[in-house]
């Protein structure tokens, strides 16, 4: 099983390649859609690392993949500028998902 990166930043792509993770640059909606289609078609890819920016800008594309495909798993990661999530996003996520306050 391979991990695959879809990013909009050359520095991120270069750093992940040095760590052994292959990936591709995507610039905009069409590039993102094509990159996701290629990654889904490759049955060796089990995890897609995706910049949070794509999740914020194109949630319809990301949600479509998450809802309609069992694999690969999409993990949204912060870019070099940090995360756009609020500080307590994990506790609020658990609260929403199962109704348990931590």
C-alpha atoms as a PDB file:
ATOM      1  CA  UNK A   1       0.000   0.000   0.000  1.00  0.00           C
ATOM      2  CA  UNK A   2       1.343   3.405  -0.977  1.00  0.00           C
ATOM      3  CA  UNK A   3       0.804   6.904   0.302  1.00  0.00           C
ATOM      4  CA  UNK A   4       0.240   9.603  -2.312  1.00  0.00           C
ATOM      5  CA  UNK A   5       0.365  13.382  -1.936  1.00  0.00           C
ATOM      6  CA  UNK A   6      -1.717  15.976  -3.776  1.00  0.00           C
ATOM      7  CA  UNK A   7      -0.453  19.473  -3.065  1.00  0.00           C
ATOM      8  CA  UNK A   8      -0.294  22.946  -4.514  1.00  0.00           C
ATOM      9  CA  UNK A   9       3.176  23.679  -3.153  1.00  0.00           C
ATOM     10  CA  UNK A  10       6.463  22.588  -4.725  1.00  0.00           C
ATOM     11  CA  UNK A  11       8.325  22.697  -1.400  1.00  0.00           C
ATOM     12  CA  UNK A  12       5.811  20.321   0.183  1.00  0.00           C
ATOM     13  CA  UNK A  13       6.054  17.961  -2.782  1.00  0.00           C
ATOM     14  CA  UNK A  14       9.857  17.998  -2.671  1.00  0.00           C
ATOM     15  CA  UNK A  15       9.961  17.366   1.077  1.00  0.00           C
ATOM     16  CA  UNK A  16       7.538  14.467   0.867  1.00  0.00           C
ATOM     17  CA  UNK A  17       9.475  12.946  -2.040  1.00  0.00           C
ATOM     18  CA  UNK A  18      12.596  13.054   0.125  1.00  0.00           C
ATOM     19  CA  UNK A  19      10.599  11.082   2.703  1.00  0.00           C
ATOM     20  CA  UNK A  20       9.633   8.503   0.056  1.00  0.00           C
ATOM     21  CA  UNK A  21       6.100   9.717  -0.672  1.00  0.00           C
ATOM     22  CA  UNK A  22       5.242  10.241  -4.319  1.00  0.00           C
ATOM     23  CA  UNK A  23       2.811  12.904  -5.342  1.00  0.00           C
ATOM     24  CA  UNK A  24       1.649  15.510  -7.781  1.00  0.00           C
ATOM     25  CA  UNK A  25       1.051  19.239  -7.934  1.00  0.00           C
ATOM     26  CA  UNK A  26      -2.515  20.391  -8.518  1.00  0.00           C
ATOM     27  CA  UNK A  27      -3.486  23.929  -9.365  1.00  0.00           C
ATOM     28  CA  UNK A  28      -7.218  24.431  -9.260  1.00  0.00           C
ATOM     29  CA  UNK A  29     -10.406  22.423  -9.516  1.00  0.00           C
ATOM     30  CA  UNK A  30      -9.674  20.536 -12.742  1.00  0.00           C
ATOM     31  CA  UNK A  31      -6.145  19.549 -11.714  1.00  0.00           C
ATOM     32  CA  UNK A  32      -7.417  18.320  -8.352  1.00  0.00           C
ATOM     33  CA  UNK A  33     -10.171  16.259  -9.952  1.00  0.00           C
ATOM     34  CA  UNK A  34      -7.730  14.668 -12.437  1.00  0.00           C
ATOM     35  CA  UNK A  35      -5.165  13.929  -9.707  1.00  0.00           C
ATOM     36  CA  UNK A  36      -7.814  12.274  -7.534  1.00  0.00           C
ATOM     37  CA  UNK A  37      -9.112  10.188 -10.452  1.00  0.00           C
ATOM     38  CA  UNK A  38      -5.592   8.940 -11.225  1.00  0.00           C
ATOM     39  CA  UNK A  39      -4.938   8.152  -7.559  1.00  0.00           C
ATOM     40  CA  UNK A  40      -8.226   6.276  -7.186  1.00  0.00           C
ATOM     41  CA  UNK A  41      -7.503   4.239 -10.310  1.00  0.00           C
ATOM     42  CA  UNK A  42      -4.138   3.124  -8.900  1.00  0.00           C
ATOM     43  CA  UNK A  43      -5.075   0.218  -6.630  1.00  0.00           C
ATOM     44  CA  UNK A  44      -1.686   0.340  -4.881  1.00  0.00           C
ATOM     45  CA  UNK A  45      -2.507   3.741  -3.346  1.00  0.00           C
ATOM     46  CA  UNK A  46      -4.178   3.292   0.026  1.00  0.00           C
ATOM     47  CA  UNK A  47      -3.836   6.778   1.499  1.00  0.00           C
ATOM     48  CA  UNK A  48      -4.030  10.180  -0.167  1.00  0.00           C
ATOM     49  CA  UNK A  49      -2.530  13.109   1.705  1.00  0.00           C
ATOM     50  CA  UNK A  50      -4.381  16.208   0.617  1.00  0.00           C
ATOM     51  CA  UNK A  51      -3.731  19.795   1.613  1.00  0.00           C
ATOM     52  CA  UNK A  52      -6.443  21.297   3.840  1.00  0.00           C
ATOM     53  CA  UNK A  53      -6.686  24.156   1.364  1.00  0.00           C
ATOM     54  CA  UNK A  54      -8.265  21.811  -1.189  1.00  0.00           C
ATOM     55  CA  UNK A  55     -10.805  20.656   1.363  1.00  0.00           C
ATOM     56  CA  UNK A  56     -11.811  24.247   2.077  1.00  0.00           C
ATOM     57  CA  UNK A  57     -11.911  25.383  -1.557  1.00  0.00           C
ATOM     58  CA  UNK A  58     -13.401  22.275  -3.203  1.00  0.00           C
ATOM     59  CA  UNK A  59     -15.376  20.367  -0.557  1.00  0.00           C
ATOM     60  CA  UNK A  60     -17.765  18.948  -3.168  1.00  0.00           C
ATOM     61  CA  UNK A  61     -14.951  17.074  -4.946  1.00  0.00           C
ATOM     62  CA  UNK A  62     -13.430  15.749  -1.721  1.00  0.00           C
ATOM     63  CA  UNK A  63     -16.793  14.739  -0.225  1.00  0.00           C
ATOM     64  CA  UNK A  64     -17.712  12.913  -3.423  1.00  0.00           C
ATOM     65  CA  UNK A  65     -14.595  10.749  -3.167  1.00  0.00           C
ATOM     66  CA  UNK A  66     -15.038  10.147   0.558  1.00  0.00           C
ATOM     67  CA  UNK A  67     -18.663   9.090   0.123  1.00  0.00           C
ATOM     68  CA  UNK A  68     -18.349   6.977  -3.022  1.00  0.00           C
ATOM     69  CA  UNK A  69     -15.050   5.110  -2.589  1.00  0.00           C
ATOM     70  CA  UNK A  70     -13.915   2.833   0.220  1.00  0.00           C
ATOM     71  CA  UNK A  71     -10.286   3.293  -0.715  1.00  0.00           C
ATOM     72  CA  UNK A  72      -8.118   5.244  -0.750  1.00  0.00           C
ATOM     73  CA  UNK A  73      -8.428   6.984   2.585  1.00  0.00           C
ATOM     74  CA  UNK A  74      -8.181  10.773   2.225  1.00  0.00           C
ATOM     75  CA  UNK A  75      -6.336  12.591   4.978  1.00  0.00           C
ATOM     76  CA  UNK A  76      -6.338  16.373   4.927  1.00  0.00           C
ATOM     77  CA  UNK A  77      -3.086  17.810   6.248  1.00  0.00           C
ATOM     78  CA  UNK A  78      -2.099  21.406   6.987  1.00  0.00           C
ATOM     79  CA  UNK A  79       0.253  23.153   4.601  1.00  0.00           C
ATOM     80  CA  UNK A  80       3.343  25.158   5.476  1.00  0.00           C
ATOM     81  CA  UNK A  81       1.182  28.055   6.677  1.00  0.00           C
ATOM     82  CA  UNK A  82      -0.449  25.956   9.380  1.00  0.00           C
ATOM     83  CA  UNK A  83      -3.937  24.648   9.870  1.00  0.00           C
ATOM     84  CA  UNK A  84      -7.174  26.462   9.216  1.00  0.00           C
ATOM     85  CA  UNK A  85      -8.971  24.478  11.895  1.00  0.00           C
ATOM     86  CA  UNK A  86      -9.968  25.856  15.254  1.00  0.00           C
ATOM     87  CA  UNK A  87      -7.814  24.766  18.213  1.00  0.00           C
ATOM     88  CA  UNK A  88     -10.382  22.332  19.663  1.00  0.00           C
ATOM     89  CA  UNK A  89     -11.432  20.710  16.383  1.00  0.00           C
ATOM     90  CA  UNK A  90     -10.788  17.155  17.636  1.00  0.00           C
ATOM     91  CA  UNK A  91     -12.988  17.486  20.727  1.00  0.00           C
ATOM     92  CA  UNK A  92     -15.753  19.182  18.755  1.00  0.00           C
ATOM     93  CA  UNK A  93     -15.514  16.438  16.110  1.00  0.00           C
ATOM     94  CA  UNK A  94     -15.963  13.738  18.758  1.00  0.00           C
ATOM     95  CA  UNK A  95     -18.838  15.677  20.290  1.00  0.00           C
ATOM     96  CA  UNK A  96     -20.585  15.922  16.895  1.00  0.00           C
ATOM     97  CA  UNK A  97     -19.911  12.310  15.949  1.00  0.00           C
ATOM     98  CA  UNK A  98     -20.954  10.508  19.123  1.00  0.00           C
ATOM     99  CA  UNK A  99     -22.372  13.185  21.402  1.00  0.00           C
ATOM    100  CA  UNK A 100     -19.655  12.791  24.027  1.00  0.00           C
ATOM    101  CA  UNK A 101     -18.158  15.863  25.634  1.00  0.00           C
ATOM    102  CA  UNK A 102     -14.485  15.513  26.436  1.00  0.00           C
END
